[in-house]
Amino acid sequence: MTDEELASITGIPRLVSTSKNAVRCRWDAPDSGAYAMFTWYRGSPIDRERTVAGRIGREIAEIDADGHPGFTARGNDLSCEAGVESGDGFLHWSVNYAFATPPTDSCSVVEDLARATVQNAK
């Protein structure tokens, strides 16, 4: 995922990469507090993440990203996360618009990020 693709999908202006390594990448928008974060959980069960999200009160919905089953977990209208199975682990996107305005539903954004990640991995 390029920084340009991320900005286009999230609609968050002035995202700046603040952390990138083999497991986690994070981008922050210093003027609005919005952020996007990608994590790759290798060898970890996706159901554990889904269960934790449900236990903290997030609204869970099932999704499919080009044949990869997963879920979204809505925190509120400005934040959502998505987990999608990937081999023996799963990939995870999280967005929080804080003081920014989402271009569409925040869960639609993380679904689009998950689909783009699956497509880019092919």
PDB file of N, CA and C in Angstrom:
ATOM      1  N   MET A   1       0.861  -1.168   0.000  1.00  0.00           N
ATOM      2  CA  MET A   1       0.000   0.000   0.000  1.00  0.00           C
ATOM      3  C   MET A   1       0.903   1.225   0.000  1.00  0.00           C
ATOM      4  N   THR A   2       0.727   2.049  -0.993  1.00  0.00           N
ATOM      5  CA  THR A   2       1.506   3.287  -1.020  1.00  0.00           C
ATOM      6  C   THR A   2       0.818   4.341  -0.163  1.00  0.00           C
ATOM      7  N   ASP A   3       1.573   5.343   0.220  1.00  0.00           N
ATOM      8  CA  ASP A   3       0.999   6.450   0.987  1.00  0.00           C
ATOM      9  C   ASP A   3      -0.102   7.136   0.185  1.00  0.00           C
ATOM     10  N   GLU A   4       0.079   7.207  -1.128  1.00  0.00           N
ATOM     11  CA  GLU A   4      -0.916   7.850  -1.994  1.00  0.00           C
ATOM     12  C   GLU A   4      -2.212   7.041  -2.029  1.00  0.00           C
ATOM     13  N   GLU A   5      -2.100   5.695  -2.141  1.00  0.00           N
ATOM     14  CA  GLU A   5      -3.286   4.840  -2.121  1.00  0.00           C
ATOM     15  C   GLU A   5      -4.028   4.995  -0.794  1.00  0.00           C
ATOM     16  N   LEU A   6      -3.270   4.998   0.283  1.00  0.00           N
ATOM     17  CA  LEU A   6      -3.868   5.128   1.606  1.00  0.00           C
ATOM     18  C   LEU A   6      -4.636   6.441   1.739  1.00  0.00           C
ATOM     19  N   ALA A   7      -4.019   7.528   1.321  1.00  0.00           N
ATOM     20  CA  ALA A   7      -4.678   8.835   1.400  1.00  0.00           C
ATOM     21  C   ALA A   7      -5.936   8.865   0.532  1.00  0.00           C
ATOM     22  N   SER A   8      -5.865   8.240  -0.643  1.00  0.00           N
ATOM     23  CA  SER A   8      -7.016   8.215  -1.541  1.00  0.00           C
ATOM     24  C   SER A   8      -8.175   7.419  -0.937  1.00  0.00           C
ATOM     25  N   ILE A   9      -7.886   6.261  -0.367  1.00  0.00           N
ATOM     26  CA  ILE A   9      -8.944   5.414   0.192  1.00  0.00           C
ATOM     27  C   ILE A   9      -9.525   6.017   1.470  1.00  0.00           C
ATOM     28  N   THR A  10      -8.676   6.541   2.345  1.00  0.00           N
ATOM     29  CA  THR A  10      -9.166   7.053   3.630  1.00  0.00           C
ATOM     30  C   THR A  10      -9.750   8.453   3.532  1.00  0.00           C
ATOM     31  N   GLY A  11      -9.281   9.234   2.555  1.00  0.00           N
ATOM     32  CA  GLY A  11      -9.718  10.618   2.452  1.00  0.00           C
ATOM     33  C   GLY A  11      -9.145  11.499   3.554  1.00  0.00           C
ATOM     34  N   ILE A  12      -8.138  10.999   4.268  1.00  0.00           N
ATOM     35  CA  ILE A  12      -7.520  11.780   5.339  1.00  0.00           C
ATOM     36  C   ILE A  12      -6.400  12.627   4.738  1.00  0.00           C
ATOM     37  N   PRO A  13      -6.524  13.942   4.792  1.00  0.00           N
ATOM     38  CA  PRO A  13      -5.471  14.787   4.224  1.00  0.00           C
ATOM     39  C   PRO A  13      -4.222  14.810   5.102  1.00  0.00           C
ATOM     40  N   ARG A  14      -3.097  14.966   4.458  1.00  0.00           N
ATOM     41  CA  ARG A  14      -1.794  15.156   5.116  1.00  0.00           C
ATOM     42  C   ARG A  14      -1.385  14.016   6.047  1.00  0.00           C
ATOM     43  N   LEU A  15      -1.700  12.771   5.645  1.00  0.00           N
ATOM     44  CA  LEU A  15      -1.234  11.622   6.425  1.00  0.00           C
ATOM     45  C   LEU A  15       0.284  11.529   6.330  1.00  0.00           C
ATOM     46  N   VAL A  16       0.923  11.274   7.458  1.00  0.00           N
ATOM     47  CA  VAL A  16       2.375  11.157   7.517  1.00  0.00           C
ATOM     48  C   VAL A  16       2.716   9.801   8.125  1.00  0.00           C
ATOM     49  N   SER A  17       3.607   9.078   7.481  1.00  0.00           N
ATOM     50  CA  SER A  17       4.047   7.798   8.026  1.00  0.00           C
ATOM     51  C   SER A  17       4.825   8.043   9.312  1.00  0.00           C
ATOM     52  N   THR A  18       4.376   7.421  10.397  1.00  0.00           N
ATOM     53  CA  THR A  18       5.053   7.591  11.686  1.00  0.00           C
ATOM     54  C   THR A  18       5.711   6.305  12.164  1.00  0.00           C
ATOM     55  N   SER A  19       5.366   5.171  11.534  1.00  0.00           N
ATOM     56  CA  SER A  19       5.949   3.891  11.927  1.00  0.00           C
ATOM     57  C   SER A  19       5.763   2.895  10.795  1.00  0.00           C
ATOM     58  N   LYS A  20       6.854   2.268  10.363  1.00  0.00           N
ATOM     59  CA  LYS A  20       6.769   1.214   9.347  1.00  0.00           C
ATOM     60  C   LYS A  20       7.803   0.154   9.674  1.00  0.00           C
ATOM     61  N   ASN A  21       7.313  -1.087   9.849  1.00  0.00           N
ATOM     62  CA  ASN A  21       8.219  -2.216  10.007  1.00  0.00           C
ATOM     63  C   ASN A  21       7.539  -3.453   9.434  1.00  0.00           C
ATOM     64  N   ALA A  22       8.087  -4.620   9.644  1.00  0.00           N
ATOM     65  CA  ALA A  22       7.571  -5.841   9.028  1.00  0.00           C
ATOM     66  C   ALA A  22       6.221  -6.277   9.580  1.00  0.00           C
ATOM     67  N   VAL A  23       5.802  -5.720  10.708  1.00  0.00           N
ATOM     68  CA  VAL A  23       4.565  -6.143  11.346  1.00  0.00           C
ATOM     69  C   VAL A  23       3.505  -5.050  11.372  1.00  0.00           C
ATOM     70  N   ARG A  24       3.919  -3.796  11.541  1.00  0.00           N
ATOM     71  CA  ARG A  24       2.953  -2.713  11.740  1.00  0.00           C
ATOM     72  C   ARG A  24       3.375  -1.442  11.019  1.00  0.00           C
ATOM     73  N   CYS A  25       2.388  -0.774  10.442  1.00  0.00           N
ATOM     74  CA  CYS A  25       2.604   0.532   9.824  1.00  0.00           C
ATOM     75  C   CYS A  25       1.522   1.475  10.355  1.00  0.00           C
ATOM     76  N   ARG A  26       1.919   2.713  10.616  1.00  0.00           N
ATOM     77  CA  ARG A  26       0.954   3.703  11.113  1.00  0.00           C
ATOM     78  C   ARG A  26       1.202   5.033  10.424  1.00  0.00           C
ATOM     79  N   TRP A  27       0.086   5.686  10.097  1.00  0.00           N
ATOM     80  CA  TRP A  27       0.113   7.008   9.494  1.00  0.00           C
ATOM     81  C   TRP A  27      -0.747   7.925  10.349  1.00  0.00           C
ATOM     82  N   ASP A  28      -0.278   9.130  10.606  1.00  0.00           N
ATOM     83  CA  ASP A  28      -1.011  10.095  11.417  1.00  0.00           C
ATOM     84  C   ASP A  28      -1.195  11.397  10.652  1.00  0.00           C
ATOM     85  N   ALA A  29      -2.304  12.072  10.922  1.00  0.00           N
ATOM     86  CA  ALA A  29      -2.558  13.402  10.382  1.00  0.00           C
ATOM     87  C   ALA A  29      -2.438  14.375  11.550  1.00  0.00           C
ATOM     88  N   PRO A  30      -1.326  15.070  11.648  1.00  0.00           N
ATOM     89  CA  PRO A  30      -1.069  15.899  12.828  1.00  0.00           C
ATOM     90  C   PRO A  30      -2.090  17.010  13.069  1.00  0.00           C
ATOM     91  N   ASP A  31      -2.726  17.504  12.030  1.00  0.00           N
ATOM     92  CA  ASP A  31      -3.655  18.624  12.212  1.00  0.00           C
ATOM     93  C   ASP A  31      -5.041  18.195  12.689  1.00  0.00           C
ATOM     94  N   SER A  32      -5.415  16.916  12.475  1.00  0.00           N
ATOM     95  CA  SER A  32      -6.762  16.485  12.862  1.00  0.00           C
ATOM     96  C   SER A  32      -6.768  15.372  13.904  1.00  0.00           C
ATOM     97  N   GLY A  33      -5.632  14.757  14.158  1.00  0.00           N
ATOM     98  CA  GLY A  33      -5.580  13.633  15.084  1.00  0.00           C
ATOM     99  C   GLY A  33      -6.020  12.319  14.466  1.00  0.00           C
ATOM    100  N   ALA A  34      -6.423  12.338  13.194  1.00  0.00           N
ATOM    101  CA  ALA A  34      -6.848  11.118  12.516  1.00  0.00           C
ATOM    102  C   ALA A  34      -5.633  10.217  12.274  1.00  0.00           C
ATOM    103  N   TYR A  35      -5.895   8.901  12.187  1.00  0.00           N
ATOM    104  CA  TYR A  35      -4.809   7.975  11.876  1.00  0.00           C
ATOM    105  C   TYR A  35      -5.343   6.741  11.167  1.00  0.00           C
ATOM    106  N   ALA A  36      -4.437   6.038  10.517  1.00  0.00           N
ATOM    107  CA  ALA A  36      -4.702   4.727   9.928  1.00  0.00           C
ATOM    108  C   ALA A  36      -3.558   3.823  10.362  1.00  0.00           C
ATOM    109  N   MET A  37      -3.880   2.570  10.667  1.00  0.00           N
ATOM    110  CA  MET A  37      -2.849   1.647  11.108  1.00  0.00           C
ATOM    111  C   MET A  37      -3.090   0.273  10.492  1.00  0.00           C
ATOM    112  N   PHE A  38      -2.018  -0.338  10.010  1.00  0.00           N
ATOM    113  CA  PHE A  38      -2.037  -1.686   9.454  1.00  0.00           C
ATOM    114  C   PHE A  38      -1.180  -2.575  10.332  1.00  0.00           C
ATOM    115  N   THR A  39      -1.689  -3.770  10.640  1.00  0.00           N
ATOM    116  CA  THR A  39      -0.915  -4.757  11.388  1.00  0.00           C
ATOM    117  C   THR A  39      -1.120  -6.113  10.739  1.00  0.00           C
ATOM    118  N   TRP A  40      -0.037  -6.891  10.655  1.00  0.00           N
ATOM    119  CA  TRP A  40      -0.114  -8.245  10.138  1.00  0.00           C
ATOM    120  C   TRP A  40       0.160  -9.185  11.297  1.00  0.00           C
ATOM    121  N   TYR A  41      -0.865  -9.943  11.698  1.00  0.00           N
ATOM    122  CA  TYR A  41      -0.750 -10.902  12.791  1.00  0.00           C
ATOM    123  C   TYR A  41      -0.439 -12.268  12.188  1.00  0.00           C
ATOM    124  N   ARG A  42       0.810 -12.690  12.247  1.00  0.00           N
ATOM    125  CA  ARG A  42       1.210 -13.983  11.700  1.00  0.00           C
ATOM    126  C   ARG A  42       1.073 -15.059  12.771  1.00  0.00           C
ATOM    127  N   GLY A  43       0.441 -16.179  12.407  1.00  0.00           N
ATOM    128  CA  GLY A  43       0.282 -17.287  13.335  1.00  0.00           C
ATOM    129  C   GLY A  43      -0.677 -16.998  14.472  1.00  0.00           C
ATOM    130  N   SER A  44      -1.543 -16.037  14.286  1.00  0.00           N
ATOM    131  CA  SER A  44      -2.482 -15.651  15.333  1.00  0.00           C
ATOM    132  C   SER A  44      -3.909 -15.848  14.820  1.00  0.00           C
ATOM    133  N   PRO A  45      -4.795 -16.373  15.648  1.00  0.00           N
ATOM    134  CA  PRO A  45      -6.170 -16.618  15.197  1.00  0.00           C
ATOM    135  C   PRO A  45      -7.003 -15.335  15.118  1.00  0.00           C
ATOM    136  N   ILE A  46      -7.665 -15.156  14.004  1.00  0.00           N
ATOM    137  CA  ILE A  46      -8.494 -13.964  13.801  1.00  0.00           C
ATOM    138  C   ILE A  46      -9.672 -13.932  14.778  1.00  0.00           C
ATOM    139  N   ASP A  47     -10.179 -15.107  15.160  1.00  0.00           N
ATOM    140  CA  ASP A  47     -11.341 -15.140  16.057  1.00  0.00           C
ATOM    141  C   ASP A  47     -11.049 -14.514  17.412  1.00  0.00           C
ATOM    142  N   ARG A  48      -9.805 -14.586  17.855  1.00  0.00           N
ATOM    143  CA  ARG A  48      -9.460 -13.956  19.136  1.00  0.00           C
ATOM    144  C   ARG A  48      -9.637 -12.444  19.030  1.00  0.00           C
ATOM    145  N   GLU A  49      -9.173 -11.848  17.926  1.00  0.00           N
ATOM    146  CA  GLU A  49      -9.307 -10.395  17.729  1.00  0.00           C
ATOM    147  C   GLU A  49     -10.775 -10.001  17.632  1.00  0.00           C
ATOM    148  N   ARG A  50     -11.549 -10.793  16.900  1.00  0.00           N
ATOM    149  CA  ARG A  50     -12.982 -10.532  16.756  1.00  0.00           C
ATOM    150  C   ARG A  50     -13.665 -10.586  18.127  1.00  0.00           C
ATOM    151  N   THR A  51     -13.326 -11.580  18.940  1.00  0.00           N
ATOM    152  CA  THR A  51     -13.913 -11.730  20.271  1.00  0.00           C
ATOM    153  C   THR A  51     -13.564 -10.552  21.174  1.00  0.00           C
ATOM    154  N   VAL A  52     -12.308 -10.146  21.161  1.00  0.00           N
ATOM    155  CA  VAL A  52     -11.882  -8.999  21.978  1.00  0.00           C
ATOM    156  C   VAL A  52     -12.650  -7.746  21.569  1.00  0.00           C
ATOM    157  N   ALA A  53     -12.764  -7.507  20.262  1.00  0.00           N
ATOM    158  CA  ALA A  53     -13.489  -6.326  19.778  1.00  0.00           C
ATOM    159  C   ALA A  53     -14.946  -6.354  20.243  1.00  0.00           C
ATOM    160  N   GLY A  54     -15.573  -7.517  20.193  1.00  0.00           N
ATOM    161  CA  GLY A  54     -16.954  -7.644  20.652  1.00  0.00           C
ATOM    162  C   GLY A  54     -17.095  -7.412  22.145  1.00  0.00           C
ATOM    163  N   ARG A  55     -16.132  -7.904  22.901  1.00  0.00           N
ATOM    164  CA  ARG A  55     -16.195  -7.751  24.358  1.00  0.00           C
ATOM    165  C   ARG A  55     -16.037  -6.304  24.814  1.00  0.00           C
ATOM    166  N   ILE A  56     -15.355  -5.492  24.014  1.00  0.00           N
ATOM    167  CA  ILE A  56     -15.217  -4.084  24.403  1.00  0.00           C
ATOM    168  C   ILE A  56     -16.335  -3.222  23.822  1.00  0.00           C
ATOM    169  N   GLY A  57     -17.356  -3.886  23.267  1.00  0.00           N
ATOM    170  CA  GLY A  57     -18.552  -3.176  22.848  1.00  0.00           C
ATOM    171  C   GLY A  57     -18.605  -2.732  21.399  1.00  0.00           C
ATOM    172  N   ARG A  58     -17.678  -3.215  20.585  1.00  0.00           N
ATOM    173  CA  ARG A  58     -17.728  -2.839  19.167  1.00  0.00           C
ATOM    174  C   ARG A  58     -18.801  -3.648  18.434  1.00  0.00           C
ATOM    175  N   GLU A  59     -19.401  -3.022  17.435  1.00  0.00           N
ATOM    176  CA  GLU A  59     -20.419  -3.671  16.614  1.00  0.00           C
ATOM    177  C   GLU A  59     -19.711  -4.487  15.533  1.00  0.00           C
ATOM    178  N   ILE A  60     -19.873  -5.809  15.547  1.00  0.00           N
ATOM    179  CA  ILE A  60     -19.165  -6.716  14.650  1.00  0.00           C
ATOM    180  C   ILE A  60     -20.019  -7.033  13.424  1.00  0.00           C
ATOM    181  N   ALA A  61     -19.400  -7.017  12.245  1.00  0.00           N
ATOM    182  CA  ALA A  61     -20.060  -7.421  11.004  1.00  0.00           C
ATOM    183  C   ALA A  61     -19.095  -8.307  10.212  1.00  0.00           C
ATOM    184  N   GLU A  62     -19.633  -9.311   9.532  1.00  0.00           N
ATOM    185  CA  GLU A  62     -18.809 -10.209   8.717  1.00  0.00           C
ATOM    186  C   GLU A  62     -18.564  -9.572   7.352  1.00  0.00           C
ATOM    187  N   ILE A  63     -17.347  -9.759   6.817  1.00  0.00           N
ATOM    188  CA  ILE A  63     -17.012  -9.256   5.480  1.00  0.00           C
ATOM    189  C   ILE A  63     -16.257 -10.334   4.716  1.00  0.00           C
ATOM    190  N   ASP A  64     -16.084 -10.091   3.428  1.00  0.00           N
ATOM    191  CA  ASP A  64     -15.269 -10.947   2.573  1.00  0.00           C
ATOM    192  C   ASP A  64     -14.443 -10.030   1.681  1.00  0.00           C
ATOM    193  N   ALA A  65     -13.140 -10.207   1.710  1.00  0.00           N
ATOM    194  CA  ALA A  65     -12.239  -9.409   0.869  1.00  0.00           C
ATOM    195  C   ALA A  65     -11.644 -10.322  -0.185  1.00  0.00           C
ATOM    196  N   ASP A  66     -12.299 -10.388  -1.324  1.00  0.00           N
ATOM    197  CA  ASP A  66     -11.835 -11.217  -2.444  1.00  0.00           C
ATOM    198  C   ASP A  66     -11.538 -12.651  -2.025  1.00  0.00           C
ATOM    199  N   GLY A  67     -12.497 -13.276  -1.328  1.00  0.00           N
ATOM    200  CA  GLY A  67     -12.354 -14.662  -0.919  1.00  0.00           C
ATOM    201  C   GLY A  67     -11.681 -14.866   0.427  1.00  0.00           C
ATOM    202  N   HIS A  68     -11.286 -13.785   1.086  1.00  0.00           N
ATOM    203  CA  HIS A  68     -10.685 -13.864   2.417  1.00  0.00           C
ATOM    204  C   HIS A  68     -11.729 -13.412   3.438  1.00  0.00           C
ATOM    205  N   PRO A  69     -12.244 -14.353   4.258  1.00  0.00           N
ATOM    206  CA  PRO A  69     -13.258 -13.975   5.241  1.00  0.00           C
ATOM    207  C   PRO A  69     -12.668 -13.110   6.343  1.00  0.00           C
ATOM    208  N   GLY A  70     -13.531 -12.287   6.918  1.00  0.00           N
ATOM    209  CA  GLY A  70     -13.078 -11.417   7.995  1.00  0.00           C
ATOM    210  C   GLY A  70     -14.237 -10.722   8.673  1.00  0.00           C
ATOM    211  N   PHE A  71     -13.924  -9.615   9.321  1.00  0.00           N
ATOM    212  CA  PHE A  71     -14.933  -8.890  10.086  1.00  0.00           C
ATOM    213  C   PHE A  71     -14.572  -7.411  10.140  1.00  0.00           C
ATOM    214  N   THR A  72     -15.573  -6.594  10.416  1.00  0.00           N
ATOM    215  CA  THR A  72     -15.342  -5.204  10.799  1.00  0.00           C
ATOM    216  C   THR A  72     -15.840  -5.057  12.231  1.00  0.00           C
ATOM    217  N   ALA A  73     -15.254  -4.105  12.930  1.00  0.00           N
ATOM    218  CA  ALA A  73     -15.660  -3.813  14.306  1.00  0.00           C
ATOM    219  C   ALA A  73     -15.775  -2.300  14.439  1.00  0.00           C
ATOM    220  N   ARG A  74     -17.001  -1.821  14.491  1.00  0.00           N
ATOM    221  CA  ARG A  74     -17.275  -0.387  14.560  1.00  0.00           C
ATOM    222  C   ARG A  74     -17.152   0.098  15.998  1.00  0.00           C
ATOM    223  N   GLY A  75     -16.306   1.106  16.178  1.00  0.00           N
ATOM    224  CA  GLY A  75     -16.195   1.732  17.493  1.00  0.00           C
ATOM    225  C   GLY A  75     -17.237   2.817  17.652  1.00  0.00           C
ATOM    226  N   ASN A  76     -17.355   3.664  16.646  1.00  0.00           N
ATOM    227  CA  ASN A  76     -18.362   4.718  16.556  1.00  0.00           C
ATOM    228  C   ASN A  76     -18.371   5.172  15.100  1.00  0.00           C
ATOM    229  N   ASP A  77     -19.035   6.251  14.784  1.00  0.00           N
ATOM    230  CA  ASP A  77     -19.095   6.679  13.388  1.00  0.00           C
ATOM    231  C   ASP A  77     -17.742   7.107  12.831  1.00  0.00           C
ATOM    232  N   LEU A  78     -16.793   7.421  13.714  1.00  0.00           N
ATOM    233  CA  LEU A  78     -15.493   7.925  13.275  1.00  0.00           C
ATOM    234  C   LEU A  78     -14.381   6.891  13.346  1.00  0.00           C
ATOM    235  N   SER A  79     -14.668   5.700  13.855  1.00  0.00           N
ATOM    236  CA  SER A  79     -13.607   4.696  13.957  1.00  0.00           C
ATOM    237  C   SER A  79     -14.130   3.305  13.644  1.00  0.00           C
ATOM    238  N   CYS A  80     -13.277   2.518  12.998  1.00  0.00           N
ATOM    239  CA  CYS A  80     -13.621   1.150  12.671  1.00  0.00           C
ATOM    240  C   CYS A  80     -12.327   0.381  12.425  1.00  0.00           C
ATOM    241  N   GLU A  81     -12.406  -0.927  12.581  1.00  0.00           N
ATOM    242  CA  GLU A  81     -11.276  -1.788  12.269  1.00  0.00           C
ATOM    243  C   GLU A  81     -11.775  -2.966  11.461  1.00  0.00           C
ATOM    244  N   ALA A  82     -10.873  -3.562  10.683  1.00  0.00           N
ATOM    245  CA  ALA A  82     -11.219  -4.741   9.896  1.00  0.00           C
ATOM    246  C   ALA A  82     -10.089  -5.746  10.012  1.00  0.00           C
ATOM    247  N   GLY A  83     -10.471  -7.000  10.190  1.00  0.00           N
ATOM    248  CA  GLY A  83      -9.527  -8.109  10.170  1.00  0.00           C
ATOM    249  C   GLY A  83      -9.913  -9.050   9.059  1.00  0.00           C
ATOM    250  N   VAL A  84      -8.921  -9.525   8.293  1.00  0.00           N
ATOM    251  CA  VAL A  84      -9.179 -10.420   7.176  1.00  0.00           C
ATOM    252  C   VAL A  84      -8.157 -11.551   7.225  1.00  0.00           C
ATOM    253  N   GLU A  85      -8.636 -12.811   7.113  1.00  0.00           N
ATOM    254  CA  GLU A  85      -7.748 -13.963   7.148  1.00  0.00           C
ATOM    255  C   GLU A  85      -6.715 -13.893   6.035  1.00  0.00           C
ATOM    256  N   SER A  86      -5.501 -14.303   6.382  1.00  0.00           N
ATOM    257  CA  SER A  86      -4.398 -14.311   5.425  1.00  0.00           C
ATOM    258  C   SER A  86      -3.446 -15.436   5.818  1.00  0.00           C
ATOM    259  N   GLY A  87      -3.558 -16.573   5.131  1.00  0.00           N
ATOM    260  CA  GLY A  87      -2.705 -17.706   5.473  1.00  0.00           C
ATOM    261  C   GLY A  87      -2.971 -18.179   6.885  1.00  0.00           C
ATOM    262  N   ASP A  88      -1.901 -18.321   7.688  1.00  0.00           N
ATOM    263  CA  ASP A  88      -2.078 -18.798   9.057  1.00  0.00           C
ATOM    264  C   ASP A  88      -2.260 -17.648  10.050  1.00  0.00           C
ATOM    265  N   GLY A  89      -2.508 -16.457   9.539  1.00  0.00           N
ATOM    266  CA  GLY A  89      -2.717 -15.292  10.390  1.00  0.00           C
ATOM    267  C   GLY A  89      -3.805 -14.422   9.805  1.00  0.00           C
ATOM    268  N   PHE A  90      -3.705 -13.133  10.072  1.00  0.00           N
ATOM    269  CA  PHE A  90      -4.669 -12.209   9.488  1.00  0.00           C
ATOM    270  C   PHE A  90      -4.066 -10.816   9.409  1.00  0.00           C
ATOM    271  N   LEU A  91      -4.618 -10.036   8.490  1.00  0.00           N
ATOM    272  CA  LEU A  91      -4.220  -8.640   8.382  1.00  0.00           C
ATOM    273  C   LEU A  91      -5.298  -7.794   9.024  1.00  0.00           C
ATOM    274  N   HIS A  92      -4.898  -6.653   9.542  1.00  0.00           N
ATOM    275  CA  HIS A  92      -5.807  -5.829  10.331  1.00  0.00           C
ATOM    276  C   HIS A  92      -5.598  -4.358   9.983  1.00  0.00           C
ATOM    277  N   TRP A  93      -6.672  -3.668   9.659  1.00  0.00           N
ATOM    278  CA  TRP A  93      -6.644  -2.227   9.422  1.00  0.00           C
ATOM    279  C   TRP A  93      -7.497  -1.539  10.471  1.00  0.00           C
ATOM    280  N   SER A  94      -7.056  -0.393  10.919  1.00  0.00           N
ATOM    281  CA  SER A  94      -7.812   0.414  11.866  1.00  0.00           C
ATOM    282  C   SER A  94      -7.743   1.867  11.413  1.00  0.00           C
ATOM    283  N   VAL A  95      -8.871   2.545  11.434  1.00  0.00           N
ATOM    284  CA  VAL A  95      -8.889   3.988  11.161  1.00  0.00           C
ATOM    285  C   VAL A  95      -9.669   4.686  12.258  1.00  0.00           C
ATOM    286  N   ASN A  96      -9.217   5.881  12.566  1.00  0.00           N
ATOM    287  CA  ASN A  96      -9.920   6.736  13.506  1.00  0.00           C
ATOM    288  C   ASN A  96      -9.825   8.150  12.951  1.00  0.00           C
ATOM    289  N   TYR A  97     -10.971   8.738  12.661  1.00  0.00           N
ATOM    290  CA  TYR A  97     -10.985  10.059  12.053  1.00  0.00           C
ATOM    291  C   TYR A  97     -10.861  11.185  13.069  1.00  0.00           C
ATOM    292  N   ALA A  98     -11.005  10.888  14.351  1.00  0.00           N
ATOM    293  CA  ALA A  98     -10.833  11.881  15.420  1.00  0.00           C
ATOM    294  C   ALA A  98     -11.604  13.154  15.082  1.00  0.00           C
ATOM    295  N   PHE A  99     -10.900  14.200  14.616  1.00  0.00           N
ATOM    296  CA  PHE A  99     -11.544  15.475  14.293  1.00  0.00           C
ATOM    297  C   PHE A  99     -11.662  15.700  12.791  1.00  0.00           C
ATOM    298  N   ALA A 100     -11.472  14.649  11.996  1.00  0.00           N
ATOM    299  CA  ALA A 100     -11.616  14.728  10.542  1.00  0.00           C
ATOM    300  C   ALA A 100     -12.983  14.144  10.163  1.00  0.00           C
ATOM    301  N   THR A 101     -13.383  14.346   8.929  1.00  0.00           N
ATOM    302  CA  THR A 101     -14.657  13.826   8.449  1.00  0.00           C
ATOM    303  C   THR A 101     -14.405  12.676   7.480  1.00  0.00           C
ATOM    304  N   PRO A 102     -14.943  11.483   7.778  1.00  0.00           N
ATOM    305  CA  PRO A 102     -14.761  10.359   6.860  1.00  0.00           C
ATOM    306  C   PRO A 102     -15.418  10.647   5.511  1.00  0.00           C
ATOM    307  N   PRO A 103     -14.804  10.178   4.413  1.00  0.00           N
ATOM    308  CA  PRO A 103     -15.403  10.386   3.097  1.00  0.00           C
ATOM    309  C   PRO A 103     -16.659   9.536   2.912  1.00  0.00           C
ATOM    310  N   THR A 104     -16.771   8.491   3.683  1.00  0.00           N
ATOM    311  CA  THR A 104     -17.895   7.560   3.676  1.00  0.00           C
ATOM    312  C   THR A 104     -17.891   6.889   5.046  1.00  0.00           C
ATOM    313  N   ASP A 105     -18.700   5.907   5.239  1.00  0.00           N
ATOM    314  CA  ASP A 105     -18.732   5.164   6.489  1.00  0.00           C
ATOM    315  C   ASP A 105     -17.336   4.624   6.826  1.00  0.00           C
ATOM    316  N   SER A 106     -16.898   4.785   8.068  1.00  0.00           N
ATOM    317  CA  SER A 106     -15.543   4.373   8.445  1.00  0.00           C
ATOM    318  C   SER A 106     -15.319   2.874   8.264  1.00  0.00           C
ATOM    319  N   CYS A 107     -16.351   2.053   8.418  1.00  0.00           N
ATOM    320  CA  CYS A 107     -16.188   0.617   8.193  1.00  0.00           C
ATOM    321  C   CYS A 107     -16.057   0.297   6.707  1.00  0.00           C
ATOM    322  N   SER A 108     -16.692   1.080   5.858  1.00  0.00           N
ATOM    323  CA  SER A 108     -16.482   0.914   4.408  1.00  0.00           C
ATOM    324  C   SER A 108     -15.040   1.230   4.041  1.00  0.00           C
ATOM    325  N   VAL A 109     -14.463   2.215   4.719  1.00  0.00           N
ATOM    326  CA  VAL A 109     -13.066   2.584   4.466  1.00  0.00           C
ATOM    327  C   VAL A 109     -12.132   1.428   4.807  1.00  0.00           C
ATOM    328  N   VAL A 110     -12.288   0.821   5.993  1.00  0.00           N
ATOM    329  CA  VAL A 110     -11.376  -0.275   6.357  1.00  0.00           C
ATOM    330  C   VAL A 110     -11.618  -1.513   5.491  1.00  0.00           C
ATOM    331  N   GLU A 111     -12.848  -1.732   5.053  1.00  0.00           N
ATOM    332  CA  GLU A 111     -13.106  -2.820   4.098  1.00  0.00           C
ATOM    333  C   GLU A 111     -12.342  -2.562   2.802  1.00  0.00           C
ATOM    334  N   ASP A 112     -12.396  -1.326   2.307  1.00  0.00           N
ATOM    335  CA  ASP A 112     -11.668  -0.975   1.084  1.00  0.00           C
ATOM    336  C   ASP A 112     -10.163  -1.136   1.274  1.00  0.00           C
ATOM    337  N   LEU A 113      -9.661  -0.765   2.444  1.00  0.00           N
ATOM    338  CA  LEU A 113      -8.229  -0.946   2.728  1.00  0.00           C
ATOM    339  C   LEU A 113      -7.864  -2.432   2.734  1.00  0.00           C
ATOM    340  N   ALA A 114      -8.708  -3.264   3.345  1.00  0.00           N
ATOM    341  CA  ALA A 114      -8.445  -4.701   3.377  1.00  0.00           C
ATOM    342  C   ALA A 114      -8.454  -5.287   1.965  1.00  0.00           C
ATOM    343  N   ARG A 115      -9.433  -4.905   1.163  1.00  0.00           N
ATOM    344  CA  ARG A 115      -9.509  -5.412  -0.219  1.00  0.00           C
ATOM    345  C   ARG A 115      -8.285  -4.965  -1.032  1.00  0.00           C
ATOM    346  N   ALA A 116      -7.893  -3.717  -0.881  1.00  0.00           N
ATOM    347  CA  ALA A 116      -6.718  -3.214  -1.608  1.00  0.00           C
ATOM    348  C   ALA A 116      -5.458  -3.959  -1.177  1.00  0.00           C
ATOM    349  N   THR A 117      -5.344  -4.280   0.102  1.00  0.00           N
ATOM    350  CA  THR A 117      -4.177  -5.012   0.588  1.00  0.00           C
ATOM    351  C   THR A 117      -4.136  -6.420   0.003  1.00  0.00           C
ATOM    352  N   VAL A 118      -5.288  -7.096  -0.015  1.00  0.00           N
ATOM    353  CA  VAL A 118      -5.374  -8.438  -0.605  1.00  0.00           C
ATOM    354  C   VAL A 118      -5.013  -8.369  -2.091  1.00  0.00           C
ATOM    355  N   GLN A 119      -5.555  -7.391  -2.808  1.00  0.00           N
ATOM    356  CA  GLN A 119      -5.247  -7.241  -4.236  1.00  0.00           C
ATOM    357  C   GLN A 119      -3.764  -6.955  -4.471  1.00  0.00           C
ATOM    358  N   ASN A 120      -3.186  -6.085  -3.659  1.00  0.00           N
ATOM    359  CA  ASN A 120      -1.772  -5.732  -3.821  1.00  0.00           C
ATOM    360  C   ASN A 120      -0.847  -6.909  -3.504  1.00  0.00           C
ATOM    361  N   ALA A 121      -1.332  -7.859  -2.686  1.00  0.00           N
ATOM    362  CA  ALA A 121      -0.502  -9.000  -2.299  1.00  0.00           C
ATOM    363  C   ALA A 121      -0.469 -10.077  -3.391  1.00  0.00           C
ATOM    364  N   LYS A 122      -1.363  -9.988  -4.375  1.00  0.00           N
ATOM    365  CA  LYS A 122      -1.421 -11.020  -5.437  1.00  0.00           C
ATOM    366  C   LYS A 122      -0.273 -10.858  -6.407  1.00  0.00           C
TER     367      LYS A 122
END
